[in-house]
């Protein structure tokens, strides 16, 4: 019986798992993580965060629990700016070795 050779993974578990939209999914987790970190650091209740972000409290609960269906990247970025964060999008040509990709850093 032939053994399968283990392929080297990337630093993105979603891409390694075969998700075709792994880069977007990764970004959609990083942005709410940053939102949650700021809300927690400021000691805001969900109601206070909802008022500050201009969304209903159940939406804050969804972000807090990473239930992100129905949240666009744009809405998450707007939430970060409402929390006083500078969100920057930079587009540069891809290097031929690494290929085109989406990176998010927070």
PDB file of N, CA and C in Angstrom:
ATOM      1  N   UNK A   1       0.844  -1.173   0.000  1.00  0.00           N
ATOM      2  CA  UNK A   1       0.000   0.000   0.000  1.00  0.00           C
ATOM      3  C   UNK A   1       0.893   1.241   0.000  1.00  0.00           C
ATOM      4  N   UNK A   2       0.696   2.122  -0.932  1.00  0.00           N
ATOM      5  CA  UNK A   2       1.509   3.325  -1.055  1.00  0.00           C
ATOM      6  C   UNK A   2       1.041   4.367  -0.048  1.00  0.00           C
ATOM      7  N   UNK A   3       2.000   5.012   0.562  1.00  0.00           N
ATOM      8  CA  UNK A   3       1.680   6.095   1.497  1.00  0.00           C
ATOM      9  C   UNK A   3       1.571   7.403   0.743  1.00  0.00           C
ATOM     10  N   UNK A   4       0.677   8.203   1.183  1.00  0.00           N
ATOM     11  CA  UNK A   4       0.550   9.535   0.597  1.00  0.00           C
ATOM     12  C   UNK A   4       1.599  10.424   1.236  1.00  0.00           C
ATOM     13  N   UNK A   5       2.278  11.164   0.430  1.00  0.00           N
ATOM     14  CA  UNK A   5       3.250  12.087   0.987  1.00  0.00           C
ATOM     15  C   UNK A   5       2.514  13.309   1.500  1.00  0.00           C
ATOM     16  N   UNK A   6       2.954  13.788   2.624  1.00  0.00           N
ATOM     17  CA  UNK A   6       2.315  14.948   3.227  1.00  0.00           C
ATOM     18  C   UNK A   6       2.788  16.207   2.517  1.00  0.00           C
ATOM     19  N   UNK A   7       1.829  16.985   2.056  1.00  0.00           N
ATOM     20  CA  UNK A   7       2.158  18.240   1.414  1.00  0.00           C
ATOM     21  C   UNK A   7       2.441  19.286   2.484  1.00  0.00           C
ATOM     22  N   UNK A   8       3.349  20.183   2.164  1.00  0.00           N
ATOM     23  CA  UNK A   8       3.630  21.275   3.097  1.00  0.00           C
ATOM     24  C   UNK A   8       2.473  22.252   3.076  1.00  0.00           C
ATOM     25  N   UNK A   9       2.016  22.620   4.240  1.00  0.00           N
ATOM     26  CA  UNK A   9       0.903  23.546   4.340  1.00  0.00           C
ATOM     27  C   UNK A   9       1.363  24.985   4.289  1.00  0.00           C
ATOM     28  N   UNK A  10       0.388  25.835   4.241  1.00  0.00           N
ATOM     29  CA  UNK A  10       0.646  27.262   4.291  1.00  0.00           C
ATOM     30  C   UNK A  10       0.364  27.714   5.723  1.00  0.00           C
ATOM     31  N   UNK A  11       0.384  28.999   5.936  1.00  0.00           N
ATOM     32  CA  UNK A  11       0.017  29.501   7.260  1.00  0.00           C
ATOM     33  C   UNK A  11      -1.484  29.780   7.333  1.00  0.00           C
ATOM     34  N   UNK A  12      -2.239  29.343   6.331  1.00  0.00           N
ATOM     35  CA  UNK A  12      -3.680  29.550   6.288  1.00  0.00           C
ATOM     36  C   UNK A  12      -4.383  28.197   6.319  1.00  0.00           C
ATOM     37  N   UNK A  13      -4.914  27.836   7.471  1.00  0.00           N
ATOM     38  CA  UNK A  13      -5.560  26.536   7.626  1.00  0.00           C
ATOM     39  C   UNK A  13      -6.782  26.393   6.723  1.00  0.00           C
ATOM     40  N   UNK A  14      -7.461  27.484   6.423  1.00  0.00           N
ATOM     41  CA  UNK A  14      -8.622  27.416   5.537  1.00  0.00           C
ATOM     42  C   UNK A  14      -8.202  27.075   4.110  1.00  0.00           C
ATOM     43  N   UNK A  15      -7.101  27.672   3.649  1.00  0.00           N
ATOM     44  CA  UNK A  15      -6.593  27.342   2.316  1.00  0.00           C
ATOM     45  C   UNK A  15      -6.115  25.899   2.278  1.00  0.00           C
ATOM     46  N   UNK A  16      -5.428  25.481   3.346  1.00  0.00           N
ATOM     47  CA  UNK A  16      -4.947  24.097   3.415  1.00  0.00           C
ATOM     48  C   UNK A  16      -6.102  23.106   3.421  1.00  0.00           C
ATOM     49  N   UNK A  17      -7.252  23.523   3.916  1.00  0.00           N
ATOM     50  CA  UNK A  17      -8.428  22.651   3.975  1.00  0.00           C
ATOM     51  C   UNK A  17      -9.211  22.637   2.670  1.00  0.00           C
ATOM     52  N   UNK A  18      -8.787  23.455   1.714  1.00  0.00           N
ATOM     53  CA  UNK A  18      -9.401  23.430   0.400  1.00  0.00           C
ATOM     54  C   UNK A  18     -10.543  24.407   0.182  1.00  0.00           C
ATOM     55  N   UNK A  19     -10.725  25.358   1.070  1.00  0.00           N
ATOM     56  CA  UNK A  19     -11.783  26.351   0.867  1.00  0.00           C
ATOM     57  C   UNK A  19     -11.385  27.274  -0.284  1.00  0.00           C
ATOM     58  N   UNK A  20     -12.220  27.387  -1.315  1.00  0.00           N
ATOM     59  CA  UNK A  20     -11.850  28.223  -2.456  1.00  0.00           C
ATOM     60  C   UNK A  20     -11.797  29.712  -2.116  1.00  0.00           C
ATOM     61  N   UNK A  21     -12.533  30.133  -1.101  1.00  0.00           N
ATOM     62  CA  UNK A  21     -12.557  31.541  -0.697  1.00  0.00           C
ATOM     63  C   UNK A  21     -11.818  31.739   0.627  1.00  0.00           C
ATOM     64  N   UNK A  22     -10.755  30.987   0.831  1.00  0.00           N
ATOM     65  CA  UNK A  22     -10.028  30.994   2.106  1.00  0.00           C
ATOM     66  C   UNK A  22      -9.490  32.367   2.477  1.00  0.00           C
ATOM     67  N   UNK A  23      -8.994  33.110   1.494  1.00  0.00           N
ATOM     68  CA  UNK A  23      -8.425  34.422   1.813  1.00  0.00           C
ATOM     69  C   UNK A  23      -9.484  35.370   2.347  1.00  0.00           C
ATOM     70  N   UNK A  24     -10.658  35.374   1.715  1.00  0.00           N
ATOM     71  CA  UNK A  24     -11.736  36.239   2.194  1.00  0.00           C
ATOM     72  C   UNK A  24     -12.232  35.779   3.559  1.00  0.00           C
ATOM     73  N   UNK A  25     -12.355  34.480   3.744  1.00  0.00           N
ATOM     74  CA  UNK A  25     -12.793  33.965   5.043  1.00  0.00           C
ATOM     75  C   UNK A  25     -11.808  34.343   6.136  1.00  0.00           C
ATOM     76  N   UNK A  26     -10.524  34.277   5.829  1.00  0.00           N
ATOM     77  CA  UNK A  26      -9.507  34.657   6.807  1.00  0.00           C
ATOM     78  C   UNK A  26      -9.657  36.124   7.186  1.00  0.00           C
ATOM     79  N   UNK A  27      -9.829  36.970   6.195  1.00  0.00           N
ATOM     80  CA  UNK A  27     -10.021  38.394   6.454  1.00  0.00           C
ATOM     81  C   UNK A  27     -11.282  38.625   7.265  1.00  0.00           C
ATOM     82  N   UNK A  28     -12.310  37.832   6.988  1.00  0.00           N
ATOM     83  CA  UNK A  28     -13.577  37.989   7.697  1.00  0.00           C
ATOM     84  C   UNK A  28     -13.499  37.500   9.128  1.00  0.00           C
ATOM     85  N   UNK A  29     -12.430  36.861   9.507  1.00  0.00           N
ATOM     86  CA  UNK A  29     -12.222  36.488  10.909  1.00  0.00           C
ATOM     87  C   UNK A  29     -11.296  37.489  11.583  1.00  0.00           C
ATOM     88  N   UNK A  30     -10.303  37.968  10.862  1.00  0.00           N
ATOM     89  CA  UNK A  30      -9.341  38.912  11.435  1.00  0.00           C
ATOM     90  C   UNK A  30     -10.009  40.227  11.812  1.00  0.00           C
ATOM     91  N   UNK A  31     -10.874  40.741  10.935  1.00  0.00           N
ATOM     92  CA  UNK A  31     -11.519  42.027  11.230  1.00  0.00           C
ATOM     93  C   UNK A  31     -12.420  41.944  12.460  1.00  0.00           C
ATOM     94  N   UNK A  32     -13.301  40.944  12.576  1.00  0.00           N
ATOM     95  CA  UNK A  32     -14.098  40.846  13.800  1.00  0.00           C
ATOM     96  C   UNK A  32     -13.239  40.607  15.048  1.00  0.00           C
ATOM     97  N   UNK A  33     -12.134  39.900  14.886  1.00  0.00           N
ATOM     98  CA  UNK A  33     -11.221  39.682  16.033  1.00  0.00           C
ATOM     99  C   UNK A  33     -10.727  41.027  16.543  1.00  0.00           C
ATOM    100  N   UNK A  34     -10.351  41.914  15.626  1.00  0.00           N
ATOM    101  CA  UNK A  34      -9.890  43.241  16.016  1.00  0.00           C
ATOM    102  C   UNK A  34     -11.027  44.036  16.658  1.00  0.00           C
ATOM    103  N   UNK A  35     -12.231  43.945  16.100  1.00  0.00           N
ATOM    104  CA  UNK A  35     -13.391  44.630  16.686  1.00  0.00           C
ATOM    105  C   UNK A  35     -13.613  44.120  18.109  1.00  0.00           C
ATOM    106  N   UNK A  36     -13.616  42.816  18.274  1.00  0.00           N
ATOM    107  CA  UNK A  36     -13.838  42.224  19.597  1.00  0.00           C
ATOM    108  C   UNK A  36     -12.756  42.634  20.585  1.00  0.00           C
ATOM    109  N   UNK A  37     -11.513  42.674  20.139  1.00  0.00           N
ATOM    110  CA  UNK A  37     -10.409  43.083  21.019  1.00  0.00           C
ATOM    111  C   UNK A  37     -10.603  44.511  21.512  1.00  0.00           C
ATOM    112  N   UNK A  38     -11.011  45.403  20.604  1.00  0.00           N
ATOM    113  CA  UNK A  38     -11.204  46.813  20.978  1.00  0.00           C
ATOM    114  C   UNK A  38     -12.386  46.953  21.927  1.00  0.00           C
ATOM    115  N   UNK A  39     -13.497  46.289  21.617  1.00  0.00           N
ATOM    116  CA  UNK A  39     -14.680  46.359  22.486  1.00  0.00           C
ATOM    117  C   UNK A  39     -14.334  45.847  23.872  1.00  0.00           C
ATOM    118  N   UNK A  40     -13.605  44.743  23.922  1.00  0.00           N
ATOM    119  CA  UNK A  40     -13.221  44.167  25.219  1.00  0.00           C
ATOM    120  C   UNK A  40     -12.253  45.086  25.969  1.00  0.00           C
ATOM    121  N   UNK A  41     -11.264  45.617  25.268  1.00  0.00           N
ATOM    122  CA  UNK A  41     -10.277  46.499  25.907  1.00  0.00           C
ATOM    123  C   UNK A  41     -10.943  47.749  26.496  1.00  0.00           C
ATOM    124  N   UNK A  42     -11.942  48.255  25.796  1.00  0.00           N
ATOM    125  CA  UNK A  42     -12.655  49.447  26.272  1.00  0.00           C
ATOM    126  C   UNK A  42     -13.709  49.116  27.317  1.00  0.00           C
ATOM    127  N   UNK A  43     -13.971  47.848  27.526  1.00  0.00           N
ATOM    128  CA  UNK A  43     -14.961  47.432  28.512  1.00  0.00           C
ATOM    129  C   UNK A  43     -16.381  47.799  28.127  1.00  0.00           C
ATOM    130  N   UNK A  44     -16.655  47.816  26.832  1.00  0.00           N
ATOM    131  CA  UNK A  44     -17.986  48.185  26.355  1.00  0.00           C
ATOM    132  C   UNK A  44     -18.950  47.014  26.480  1.00  0.00           C
ATOM    133  N   UNK A  45     -20.171  47.317  26.861  1.00  0.00           N
ATOM    134  CA  UNK A  45     -21.217  46.297  26.802  1.00  0.00           C
ATOM    135  C   UNK A  45     -21.642  46.160  25.342  1.00  0.00           C
ATOM    136  N   UNK A  46     -22.397  45.120  25.053  1.00  0.00           N
ATOM    137  CA  UNK A  46     -22.880  44.960  23.686  1.00  0.00           C
ATOM    138  C   UNK A  46     -23.805  46.100  23.290  1.00  0.00           C
ATOM    139  N   UNK A  47     -24.577  46.599  24.240  1.00  0.00           N
ATOM    140  CA  UNK A  47     -25.484  47.723  23.953  1.00  0.00           C
ATOM    141  C   UNK A  47     -24.678  48.983  23.660  1.00  0.00           C
ATOM    142  N   UNK A  48     -23.638  49.237  24.448  1.00  0.00           N
ATOM    143  CA  UNK A  48     -22.780  50.404  24.197  1.00  0.00           C
ATOM    144  C   UNK A  48     -22.073  50.286  22.846  1.00  0.00           C
ATOM    145  N   UNK A  49     -21.573  49.099  22.550  1.00  0.00           N
ATOM    146  CA  UNK A  49     -20.904  48.876  21.266  1.00  0.00           C
ATOM    147  C   UNK A  49     -21.889  49.060  20.109  1.00  0.00           C
ATOM    148  N   UNK A  50     -23.108  48.585  20.289  1.00  0.00           N
ATOM    149  CA  UNK A  50     -24.131  48.722  19.251  1.00  0.00           C
ATOM    150  C   UNK A  50     -24.405  50.194  18.954  1.00  0.00           C
ATOM    151  N   UNK A  51     -24.518  51.001  19.991  1.00  0.00           N
ATOM    152  CA  UNK A  51     -24.761  52.433  19.801  1.00  0.00           C
ATOM    153  C   UNK A  51     -23.586  53.087  19.084  1.00  0.00           C
ATOM    154  N   UNK A  52     -22.381  52.731  19.496  1.00  0.00           N
ATOM    155  CA  UNK A  52     -21.180  53.308  18.907  1.00  0.00           C
ATOM    156  C   UNK A  52     -21.020  52.899  17.439  1.00  0.00           C
ATOM    157  N   UNK A  53     -21.354  51.658  17.127  1.00  0.00           N
ATOM    158  CA  UNK A  53     -21.170  51.144  15.768  1.00  0.00           C
ATOM    159  C   UNK A  53     -22.393  51.352  14.879  1.00  0.00           C
ATOM    160  N   UNK A  54     -23.490  51.816  15.467  1.00  0.00           N
ATOM    161  CA  UNK A  54     -24.689  52.085  14.683  1.00  0.00           C
ATOM    162  C   UNK A  54     -25.351  50.841  14.134  1.00  0.00           C
ATOM    163  N   UNK A  55     -25.360  49.799  14.954  1.00  0.00           N
ATOM    164  CA  UNK A  55     -26.036  48.563  14.547  1.00  0.00           C
ATOM    165  C   UNK A  55     -26.777  47.990  15.740  1.00  0.00           C
ATOM    166  N   UNK A  56     -27.758  47.146  15.508  1.00  0.00           N
ATOM    167  CA  UNK A  56     -28.508  46.572  16.627  1.00  0.00           C
ATOM    168  C   UNK A  56     -27.648  45.619  17.463  1.00  0.00           C
ATOM    169  N   UNK A  57     -27.995  45.496  18.740  1.00  0.00           N
ATOM    170  CA  UNK A  57     -27.240  44.654  19.664  1.00  0.00           C
ATOM    171  C   UNK A  57     -27.095  43.214  19.184  1.00  0.00           C
ATOM    172  N   UNK A  58     -28.115  42.599  18.562  1.00  0.00           N
ATOM    173  CA  UNK A  58     -27.925  41.224  18.074  1.00  0.00           C
ATOM    174  C   UNK A  58     -26.797  41.093  17.051  1.00  0.00           C
ATOM    175  N   UNK A  59     -26.548  42.158  16.286  1.00  0.00           N
ATOM    176  CA  UNK A  59     -25.426  42.136  15.336  1.00  0.00           C
ATOM    177  C   UNK A  59     -24.091  42.134  16.090  1.00  0.00           C
ATOM    178  N   UNK A  60     -24.025  42.870  17.188  1.00  0.00           N
ATOM    179  CA  UNK A  60     -22.808  42.871  18.013  1.00  0.00           C
ATOM    180  C   UNK A  60     -22.592  41.480  18.600  1.00  0.00           C
ATOM    181  N   UNK A  61     -23.653  40.866  19.051  1.00  0.00           N
ATOM    182  CA  UNK A  61     -23.567  39.515  19.580  1.00  0.00           C
ATOM    183  C   UNK A  61     -23.051  38.552  18.513  1.00  0.00           C
ATOM    184  N   UNK A  62     -23.525  38.723  17.284  1.00  0.00           N
ATOM    185  CA  UNK A  62     -23.070  37.868  16.191  1.00  0.00           C
ATOM    186  C   UNK A  62     -21.568  38.054  15.946  1.00  0.00           C
ATOM    187  N   UNK A  63     -21.112  39.302  15.958  1.00  0.00           N
ATOM    188  CA  UNK A  63     -19.679  39.562  15.778  1.00  0.00           C
ATOM    189  C   UNK A  63     -18.892  38.956  16.934  1.00  0.00           C
ATOM    190  N   UNK A  64     -19.376  39.158  18.156  1.00  0.00           N
ATOM    191  CA  UNK A  64     -18.679  38.635  19.335  1.00  0.00           C
ATOM    192  C   UNK A  64     -18.529  37.113  19.275  1.00  0.00           C
ATOM    193  N   UNK A  65     -19.496  36.444  18.639  1.00  0.00           N
ATOM    194  CA  UNK A  65     -19.479  34.988  18.550  1.00  0.00           C
ATOM    195  C   UNK A  65     -19.045  34.480  17.179  1.00  0.00           C
ATOM    196  N   UNK A  66     -18.507  35.384  16.351  1.00  0.00           N
ATOM    197  CA  UNK A  66     -17.982  35.037  15.025  1.00  0.00           C
ATOM    198  C   UNK A  66     -19.014  34.353  14.131  1.00  0.00           C
ATOM    199  N   UNK A  67     -20.264  34.747  14.294  1.00  0.00           N
ATOM    200  CA  UNK A  67     -21.322  34.311  13.368  1.00  0.00           C
ATOM    201  C   UNK A  67     -21.411  35.426  12.315  1.00  0.00           C
ATOM    202  N   UNK A  68     -20.663  35.270  11.255  1.00  0.00           N
ATOM    203  CA  UNK A  68     -20.406  36.393  10.355  1.00  0.00           C
ATOM    204  C   UNK A  68     -21.204  36.376   9.059  1.00  0.00           C
ATOM    205  N   UNK A  69     -22.092  35.418   8.921  1.00  0.00           N
ATOM    206  CA  UNK A  69     -22.934  35.386   7.723  1.00  0.00           C
ATOM    207  C   UNK A  69     -23.761  36.662   7.694  1.00  0.00           C
ATOM    208  N   UNK A  70     -23.783  37.300   6.553  1.00  0.00           N
ATOM    209  CA  UNK A  70     -24.547  38.534   6.427  1.00  0.00           C
ATOM    210  C   UNK A  70     -23.726  39.787   6.697  1.00  0.00           C
ATOM    211  N   UNK A  71     -22.472  39.636   7.086  1.00  0.00           N
ATOM    212  CA  UNK A  71     -21.592  40.789   7.290  1.00  0.00           C
ATOM    213  C   UNK A  71     -20.664  40.904   6.088  1.00  0.00           C
ATOM    214  N   UNK A  72     -20.664  42.048   5.467  1.00  0.00           N
ATOM    215  CA  UNK A  72     -19.724  42.281   4.370  1.00  0.00           C
ATOM    216  C   UNK A  72     -18.399  42.768   4.941  1.00  0.00           C
ATOM    217  N   UNK A  73     -17.366  42.629   4.144  1.00  0.00           N
ATOM    218  CA  UNK A  73     -16.061  43.154   4.541  1.00  0.00           C
ATOM    219  C   UNK A  73     -16.168  44.671   4.762  1.00  0.00           C
ATOM    220  N   UNK A  74     -16.940  45.312   3.901  1.00  0.00           N
ATOM    221  CA  UNK A  74     -17.110  46.759   4.018  1.00  0.00           C
ATOM    222  C   UNK A  74     -17.739  47.132   5.356  1.00  0.00           C
ATOM    223  N   UNK A  75     -18.753  46.393   5.772  1.00  0.00           N
ATOM    224  CA  UNK A  75     -19.424  46.699   7.049  1.00  0.00           C
ATOM    225  C   UNK A  75     -18.474  46.503   8.224  1.00  0.00           C
ATOM    226  N   UNK A  76     -17.657  45.465   8.159  1.00  0.00           N
ATOM    227  CA  UNK A  76     -16.683  45.224   9.232  1.00  0.00           C
ATOM    228  C   UNK A  76     -15.634  46.330   9.273  1.00  0.00           C
ATOM    229  N   UNK A  77     -15.217  46.792   8.099  1.00  0.00           N
ATOM    230  CA  UNK A  77     -14.241  47.892   8.061  1.00  0.00           C
ATOM    231  C   UNK A  77     -14.866  49.185   8.580  1.00  0.00           C
ATOM    232  N   UNK A  78     -16.138  49.420   8.262  1.00  0.00           N
ATOM    233  CA  UNK A  78     -16.828  50.603   8.779  1.00  0.00           C
ATOM    234  C   UNK A  78     -16.924  50.543  10.299  1.00  0.00           C
ATOM    235  N   UNK A  79     -17.160  49.346  10.839  1.00  0.00           N
ATOM    236  CA  UNK A  79     -17.219  49.192  12.293  1.00  0.00           C
ATOM    237  C   UNK A  79     -15.876  49.560  12.911  1.00  0.00           C
ATOM    238  N   UNK A  80     -14.801  49.155  12.279  1.00  0.00           N
ATOM    239  CA  UNK A  80     -13.477  49.500  12.805  1.00  0.00           C
ATOM    240  C   UNK A  80     -13.236  51.002  12.774  1.00  0.00           C
ATOM    241  N   UNK A  81     -13.670  51.677  11.712  1.00  0.00           N
ATOM    242  CA  UNK A  81     -13.484  53.134  11.686  1.00  0.00           C
ATOM    243  C   UNK A  81     -14.344  53.803  12.749  1.00  0.00           C
ATOM    244  N   UNK A  82     -15.520  53.241  13.029  1.00  0.00           N
ATOM    245  CA  UNK A  82     -16.354  53.778  14.108  1.00  0.00           C
ATOM    246  C   UNK A  82     -15.679  53.621  15.460  1.00  0.00           C
ATOM    247  N   UNK A  83     -14.777  52.663  15.552  1.00  0.00           N
ATOM    248  CA  UNK A  83     -14.006  52.448  16.784  1.00  0.00           C
ATOM    249  C   UNK A  83     -12.693  53.226  16.772  1.00  0.00           C
ATOM    250  N   UNK A  84     -12.564  54.152  15.816  1.00  0.00           N
ATOM    251  CA  UNK A  84     -11.392  55.015  15.766  1.00  0.00           C
ATOM    252  C   UNK A  84     -10.162  54.379  15.141  1.00  0.00           C
ATOM    253  N   UNK A  85     -10.373  53.367  14.307  1.00  0.00           N
ATOM    254  CA  UNK A  85      -9.255  52.680  13.669  1.00  0.00           C
ATOM    255  C   UNK A  85      -9.109  53.167  12.227  1.00  0.00           C
ATOM    256  N   UNK A  86      -7.875  53.223  11.775  1.00  0.00           N
ATOM    257  CA  UNK A  86      -7.575  53.550  10.387  1.00  0.00           C
ATOM    258  C   UNK A  86      -7.497  52.234   9.622  1.00  0.00           C
ATOM    259  N   UNK A  87      -8.316  52.087   8.613  1.00  0.00           N
ATOM    260  CA  UNK A  87      -8.315  50.878   7.781  1.00  0.00           C
ATOM    261  C   UNK A  87      -7.721  51.268   6.438  1.00  0.00           C
ATOM    262  N   UNK A  88      -6.705  50.548   6.022  1.00  0.00           N
ATOM    263  CA  UNK A  88      -6.009  50.875   4.785  1.00  0.00           C
ATOM    264  C   UNK A  88      -6.030  49.671   3.849  1.00  0.00           C
ATOM    265  N   UNK A  89      -6.387  49.913   2.611  1.00  0.00           N
ATOM    266  CA  UNK A  89      -6.363  48.875   1.586  1.00  0.00           C
ATOM    267  C   UNK A  89      -5.295  49.277   0.579  1.00  0.00           C
ATOM    268  N   UNK A  90      -4.356  48.385   0.346  1.00  0.00           N
ATOM    269  CA  UNK A  90      -3.252  48.659  -0.573  1.00  0.00           C
ATOM    270  C   UNK A  90      -3.279  47.599  -1.671  1.00  0.00           C
ATOM    271  N   UNK A  91      -3.244  48.040  -2.913  1.00  0.00           N
ATOM    272  CA  UNK A  91      -3.216  47.127  -4.048  1.00  0.00           C
ATOM    273  C   UNK A  91      -1.868  47.274  -4.740  1.00  0.00           C
ATOM    274  N   UNK A  92      -1.146  46.153  -4.853  1.00  0.00           N
ATOM    275  CA  UNK A  92       0.158  46.154  -5.519  1.00  0.00           C
ATOM    276  C   UNK A  92       0.222  44.963  -6.476  1.00  0.00           C
ATOM    277  N   UNK A  93       1.080  45.051  -7.482  1.00  0.00           N
ATOM    278  CA  UNK A  93       1.221  43.906  -8.396  1.00  0.00           C
ATOM    279  C   UNK A  93       1.727  42.676  -7.640  1.00  0.00           C
ATOM    280  N   UNK A  94       1.214  41.504  -8.042  1.00  0.00           N
ATOM    281  CA  UNK A  94       1.644  40.253  -7.419  1.00  0.00           C
ATOM    282  C   UNK A  94       3.020  39.885  -7.933  1.00  0.00           C
ATOM    283  N   UNK A  95       3.814  39.302  -7.056  1.00  0.00           N
ATOM    284  CA  UNK A  95       5.096  38.752  -7.475  1.00  0.00           C
ATOM    285  C   UNK A  95       4.804  37.415  -8.136  1.00  0.00           C
ATOM    286  N   UNK A  96       5.488  37.121  -9.180  1.00  0.00           N
ATOM    287  CA  UNK A  96       5.176  35.909  -9.938  1.00  0.00           C
ATOM    288  C   UNK A  96       5.344  34.638  -9.117  1.00  0.00           C
ATOM    289  N   UNK A  97       6.271  34.608  -8.178  1.00  0.00           N
ATOM    290  CA  UNK A  97       6.480  33.400  -7.367  1.00  0.00           C
ATOM    291  C   UNK A  97       5.331  33.131  -6.416  1.00  0.00           C
ATOM    292  N   UNK A  98       4.814  34.156  -5.800  1.00  0.00           N
ATOM    293  CA  UNK A  98       3.789  33.958  -4.776  1.00  0.00           C
ATOM    294  C   UNK A  98       2.375  34.021  -5.329  1.00  0.00           C
ATOM    295  N   UNK A  99       2.186  34.641  -6.455  1.00  0.00           N
ATOM    296  CA  UNK A  99       0.853  34.755  -7.025  1.00  0.00           C
ATOM    297  C   UNK A  99       0.014  35.812  -6.328  1.00  0.00           C
ATOM    298  N   UNK A 100      -1.133  36.075  -6.909  1.00  0.00           N
ATOM    299  CA  UNK A 100      -2.036  37.071  -6.345  1.00  0.00           C
ATOM    300  C   UNK A 100      -2.707  36.523  -5.107  1.00  0.00           C
ATOM    301  N   UNK A 101      -2.941  37.382  -4.114  1.00  0.00           N
ATOM    302  CA  UNK A 101      -3.562  36.951  -2.877  1.00  0.00           C
ATOM    303  C   UNK A 101      -4.110  38.137  -2.120  1.00  0.00           C
ATOM    304  N   UNK A 102      -4.859  37.849  -1.069  1.00  0.00           N
ATOM    305  CA  UNK A 102      -5.375  38.879  -0.178  1.00  0.00           C
ATOM    306  C   UNK A 102      -4.734  38.663   1.173  1.00  0.00           C
ATOM    307  N   UNK A 103      -4.127  39.715   1.732  1.00  0.00           N
ATOM    308  CA  UNK A 103      -3.545  39.666   3.059  1.00  0.00           C
ATOM    309  C   UNK A 103      -4.258  40.683   3.936  1.00  0.00           C
ATOM    310  N   UNK A 104      -4.524  40.315   5.155  1.00  0.00           N
ATOM    311  CA  UNK A 104      -5.108  41.239   6.118  1.00  0.00           C
ATOM    312  C   UNK A 104      -4.262  41.182   7.377  1.00  0.00           C
ATOM    313  N   UNK A 105      -3.877  42.337   7.856  1.00  0.00           N
ATOM    314  CA  UNK A 105      -3.114  42.434   9.098  1.00  0.00           C
ATOM    315  C   UNK A 105      -3.855  43.373  10.030  1.00  0.00           C
ATOM    316  N   UNK A 106      -3.920  43.001  11.277  1.00  0.00           N
ATOM    317  CA  UNK A 106      -4.592  43.868  12.245  1.00  0.00           C
ATOM    318  C   UNK A 106      -3.763  43.944  13.501  1.00  0.00           C
TER     319      UNK A 106
END
